[in-house]
Protein backbone atom coordinates (compact mmCIF):
# COMPACT_ATOMS: atom_id res chain seq x y z
CA MET A 1 -70.74 -36.98 -15.02
CA LYS A 2 -70.28 -33.35 -15.93
CA ARG A 3 -72.37 -30.42 -14.74
CA LYS A 4 -72.76 -27.00 -16.25
CA THR A 5 -72.16 -24.00 -14.02
CA ALA A 6 -74.44 -21.01 -14.54
CA ALA A 7 -72.79 -18.15 -16.41
CA LYS A 8 -73.62 -14.50 -16.90
CA PRO A 9 -74.80 -13.32 -20.34
CA ASN A 10 -72.02 -13.40 -22.93
CA GLU A 11 -69.81 -15.49 -20.67
CA PRO A 12 -68.81 -19.09 -21.51
CA VAL A 13 -70.49 -21.96 -19.72
CA ILE A 14 -68.06 -23.81 -17.46
CA GLU A 15 -68.34 -27.56 -17.03
CA THR A 16 -67.30 -29.23 -13.79
CA SER A 17 -66.93 -32.90 -12.96
CA ASP A 18 -67.62 -34.83 -9.77
CA TYR A 19 -63.92 -35.56 -9.31
CA ARG A 20 -61.39 -32.74 -8.85
CA THR A 21 -57.65 -32.67 -8.38
CA GLY A 22 -55.99 -29.92 -6.39
CA SER A 23 -52.98 -29.88 -8.72
CA ASN A 24 -55.02 -29.10 -11.86
CA ALA A 25 -53.76 -32.31 -13.43
CA PRO A 26 -54.38 -32.90 -17.15
CA VAL A 27 -57.67 -34.52 -18.12
CA GLU A 28 -55.83 -37.70 -19.07
CA SER A 29 -54.73 -38.15 -15.46
CA SER A 30 -58.29 -37.95 -14.12
CA ARG A 31 -59.49 -40.32 -16.85
CA SER A 32 -57.06 -42.97 -15.62
CA LEU A 33 -59.06 -43.21 -12.38
CA GLU A 34 -62.32 -43.39 -14.33
CA ARG A 35 -60.95 -46.18 -16.50
CA ALA A 36 -59.70 -48.08 -13.45
CA LEU A 37 -63.09 -47.77 -11.74
CA GLY A 38 -64.89 -48.83 -14.90
CA ALA A 39 -62.65 -51.85 -15.42
CA LYS A 40 -63.12 -52.95 -11.80
CA ILE A 41 -66.90 -52.67 -12.06
CA ARG A 42 -66.93 -54.59 -15.36
CA ASP A 43 -64.65 -57.34 -14.03
CA THR A 44 -66.72 -57.71 -10.86
CA ARG A 45 -69.95 -57.82 -12.86
CA ARG A 46 -68.57 -60.54 -15.11
CA GLU A 47 -67.29 -62.54 -12.15
CA GLN A 48 -70.88 -62.61 -10.87
CA ASP A 49 -72.16 -63.58 -14.33
CA LEU A 50 -74.31 -60.45 -14.61
CA SER A 51 -75.17 -58.68 -17.84
CA VAL A 52 -75.05 -54.90 -18.22
CA LEU A 53 -78.85 -54.88 -18.09
CA ASP A 54 -78.87 -57.00 -14.92
CA LEU A 55 -76.49 -54.72 -13.03
CA ALA A 56 -78.02 -51.50 -14.35
CA GLY A 57 -81.48 -52.61 -13.23
CA ALA A 58 -80.25 -53.63 -9.77
CA ALA A 59 -78.39 -50.32 -9.35
CA ASN A 60 -81.36 -48.31 -10.67
CA ILE A 61 -79.36 -46.63 -13.45
CA SER A 62 -79.65 -46.88 -17.23
CA ALA A 63 -77.73 -49.51 -19.17
CA GLY A 64 -76.25 -46.70 -21.26
CA MET A 65 -74.84 -44.94 -18.19
CA LEU A 66 -73.39 -48.18 -16.84
CA SER A 67 -71.74 -48.87 -20.19
CA LYS A 68 -70.15 -45.41 -20.17
CA ILE A 69 -68.95 -45.91 -16.59
CA GLU A 70 -67.39 -49.27 -17.42
CA ASN A 71 -65.61 -47.74 -20.41
CA GLY A 72 -64.25 -44.84 -18.34
CA GLN A 73 -66.14 -42.24 -20.38
CA ILE A 74 -67.81 -40.42 -17.47
CA SER A 75 -67.10 -39.67 -13.80
CA PRO A 76 -69.84 -41.33 -11.75
CA SER A 77 -71.09 -39.58 -8.62
CA LEU A 78 -70.40 -41.08 -5.20
CA SER A 79 -74.08 -42.02 -4.83
CA THR A 80 -74.03 -43.84 -8.19
CA LEU A 81 -70.92 -45.79 -7.18
CA GLN A 82 -72.56 -46.68 -3.87
CA SER A 83 -75.63 -47.97 -5.76
CA ILE A 84 -73.42 -50.08 -8.03
CA ALA A 85 -71.46 -51.46 -5.07
CA ASN A 86 -74.71 -52.35 -3.29
CA ALA A 87 -76.03 -54.08 -6.42
CA LEU A 88 -72.79 -56.08 -6.65
CA THR A 89 -72.90 -56.74 -2.88
CA VAL A 90 -69.31 -55.57 -2.46
CA PRO A 91 -67.89 -52.77 -0.27
CA LEU A 92 -67.40 -49.42 -1.96
CA SER A 93 -63.70 -49.63 -1.13
CA LEU A 94 -63.36 -52.62 -3.47
CA LEU A 95 -64.22 -50.45 -6.48
CA PHE A 96 -61.67 -47.81 -5.45
CA ALA A 97 -59.00 -50.48 -5.04
CA ALA A 98 -58.88 -50.80 -8.84
CA SER A 99 -55.61 -48.94 -9.41
CA GLU A 100 -52.49 -49.01 -7.25
CA GLU A 101 -51.01 -45.97 -9.00
CA ARG A 102 -53.98 -43.62 -8.85
CA ARG A 103 -54.15 -40.43 -6.78
CA ASP A 104 -57.71 -40.30 -5.47
CA CYS A 105 -59.83 -37.23 -4.91
CA SER A 106 -63.58 -37.24 -4.32
CA PHE A 107 -65.74 -34.11 -4.39
CA VAL A 108 -69.13 -33.96 -2.70
CA ARG A 109 -71.34 -30.87 -2.79
CA ALA A 110 -73.08 -29.51 0.30
CA LYS A 111 -75.94 -31.70 1.53
CA GLN A 112 -75.17 -34.36 -1.10
CA GLY A 113 -73.36 -36.87 1.10
CA VAL A 114 -74.53 -40.46 0.76
CA VAL A 115 -76.75 -41.45 3.70
CA ILE A 116 -75.76 -44.95 4.77
CA GLU A 117 -76.75 -47.38 7.50
CA ARG A 118 -74.41 -48.24 10.32
CA ARG A 119 -74.86 -49.86 13.71
CA GLY A 120 -76.21 -46.69 15.33
CA THR A 121 -78.78 -45.89 12.64
CA LYS A 122 -81.63 -47.50 14.56
CA VAL A 123 -81.12 -45.21 17.56
CA GLY A 124 -81.54 -41.96 15.63
CA HIS A 125 -77.99 -41.48 14.36
CA VAL A 126 -77.75 -40.29 10.74
CA TYR A 127 -74.52 -40.93 8.80
CA GLN A 128 -73.61 -39.07 5.62
CA LEU A 129 -70.54 -40.34 3.79
CA LEU A 130 -68.72 -37.24 2.51
CA GLY A 131 -66.10 -38.95 0.36
CA HIS A 132 -63.91 -41.98 0.01
CA VAL A 133 -60.18 -42.21 -0.65
CA SER A 134 -58.41 -45.55 -0.79
CA GLY A 135 -54.63 -45.66 -0.81
CA GLU A 136 -52.36 -48.65 -1.21
CA ASP A 137 -52.52 -49.53 2.47
CA VAL A 138 -55.34 -47.51 4.05
CA VAL A 139 -58.88 -46.29 3.44
CA VAL A 140 -60.11 -42.87 4.62
CA GLU A 141 -63.83 -42.29 5.15
CA PRO A 142 -65.21 -38.94 6.41
CA TYR A 143 -68.74 -38.82 7.83
CA LEU A 144 -71.06 -36.03 8.93
CA ILE A 145 -72.97 -37.53 11.86
CA THR A 146 -76.24 -36.05 13.06
CA LEU A 147 -77.95 -37.10 16.27
CA LYS A 148 -81.61 -36.09 16.12
CA GLU A 149 -83.89 -35.04 18.98
CA GLU A 150 -85.08 -38.64 19.35
CA ALA A 151 -81.55 -40.08 19.20
CA GLU A 152 -80.41 -42.45 21.93
CA ALA A 153 -77.03 -42.95 23.57
CA TYR A 154 -74.95 -45.79 22.14
CA THR A 155 -71.46 -46.73 23.29
CA GLY A 156 -71.12 -50.05 21.48
CA PHE A 157 -69.20 -48.91 18.40
CA GLN A 158 -66.04 -50.90 17.75
CA HIS A 159 -64.11 -51.27 14.50
CA ALA A 160 -60.62 -51.39 13.06
CA GLY A 161 -58.52 -48.28 12.59
CA THR A 162 -58.26 -44.79 14.03
CA GLU A 163 -61.08 -42.26 14.33
CA PHE A 164 -61.04 -38.46 14.57
CA ILE A 165 -64.10 -36.56 15.82
CA TYR A 166 -64.65 -32.81 15.57
CA MET A 167 -67.71 -31.41 17.31
CA LEU A 168 -69.78 -28.96 15.24
CA THR A 169 -73.06 -28.35 17.10
CA GLY A 170 -74.73 -29.52 20.29
CA GLU A 171 -73.02 -31.13 23.26
CA VAL A 172 -72.24 -34.74 24.15
CA ILE A 173 -70.37 -36.83 26.68
CA TYR A 174 -68.46 -39.29 24.52
CA ARG A 175 -67.12 -42.52 25.92
CA HIS A 176 -63.95 -44.27 24.77
CA GLY A 177 -62.92 -47.40 26.62
CA ASN A 178 -63.25 -46.69 30.34
CA LYS A 179 -63.06 -42.89 30.05
CA SER A 180 -65.62 -40.22 29.14
CA TYR A 181 -65.10 -36.79 27.55
CA ARG A 182 -67.43 -33.80 27.28
CA LEU A 183 -67.44 -32.41 23.74
CA ARG A 184 -68.69 -28.95 22.80
CA PRO A 185 -68.42 -27.19 19.40
CA GLY A 186 -64.74 -26.92 18.47
CA ASP A 187 -63.63 -29.83 20.65
CA SER A 188 -62.03 -32.88 19.06
CA MET A 189 -60.95 -36.44 19.83
CA LEU A 190 -58.48 -38.79 18.14
CA PHE A 191 -58.60 -42.39 19.29
CA ASP A 192 -58.05 -46.06 18.58
CA SER A 193 -61.45 -47.21 17.35
CA GLY A 194 -60.71 -50.81 18.31
CA ALA A 195 -61.95 -49.92 21.81
CA LEU A 196 -65.67 -49.64 22.55
CA HIS A 197 -66.81 -46.06 22.01
CA GLY A 198 -69.78 -43.81 21.29
CA PRO A 199 -72.01 -41.03 22.68
CA GLU A 200 -72.77 -41.83 26.31
CA VAL A 201 -74.88 -38.82 27.35
CA LEU A 202 -76.64 -36.63 24.78
CA VAL A 203 -76.43 -33.32 26.63
CA LYS A 204 -77.75 -31.00 23.92
CA ARG A 205 -79.67 -32.29 20.90
CA PRO A 206 -79.76 -32.18 17.95
CA MET A 207 -76.00 -32.37 17.48
CA THR A 208 -73.59 -32.81 14.59
CA TYR A 209 -69.98 -33.82 14.43
CA LEU A 210 -67.43 -34.74 11.81
CA SER A 211 -66.03 -38.26 12.05
CA ILE A 212 -63.03 -39.33 9.96
CA ILE A 213 -62.14 -43.01 10.06
CA VAL A 214 -58.83 -44.38 8.79
CA TYR A 215 -58.42 -48.14 8.60
CA PRO A 216 -56.25 -50.73 6.85
CA ARG A 217 -57.43 -51.64 3.38
CA ARG A 218 -58.58 -55.22 3.00
CA PRO A 219 -57.01 -57.25 0.23
CA ALA A 220 -59.06 -57.14 -2.97
């Protein structure tokens, strides 16, 4: 999906897409990812014996938009892809596993991360997915995590992979395994997320921190 950037009088209007490449690759290169995503969505839809209208209705998008996505004609936003994945009841990573040769890049504007539910959601933890890159062997998922005033401590997180945390605001005592660490803005942790972990004492709320999780990609 393309967006028009405001321009001054007598200046050309610049169009930007939801997916960017740092190397200024030709349009054809970016379209290869769009085609791969579209083909994966179409194949998955057909495997579940769903029509375009069925999937579009379940994902709350128009049939025309879904058709364009499946044909690689537009770059869907991260929130649209998440809606499609939810409607297909498959993980978002499955859609991005469409092409082994692609070079992924996702672009998310400020305050437009996809709010998702995870194990800590019920205790006042808010998770915004800021992007998603899936390589041949690993998946990288960055989150902006906010712990509200009413948030509760929760040290029962445990999942595959490695996690990096960078504290932005507030203060927390974060537990990993049998050790605890006090994190203030600018502090960071890198740890094996297979051990039990999570905020043990919420010293200063509200608080925000960046969490980047890297884990092995599951076979498609």
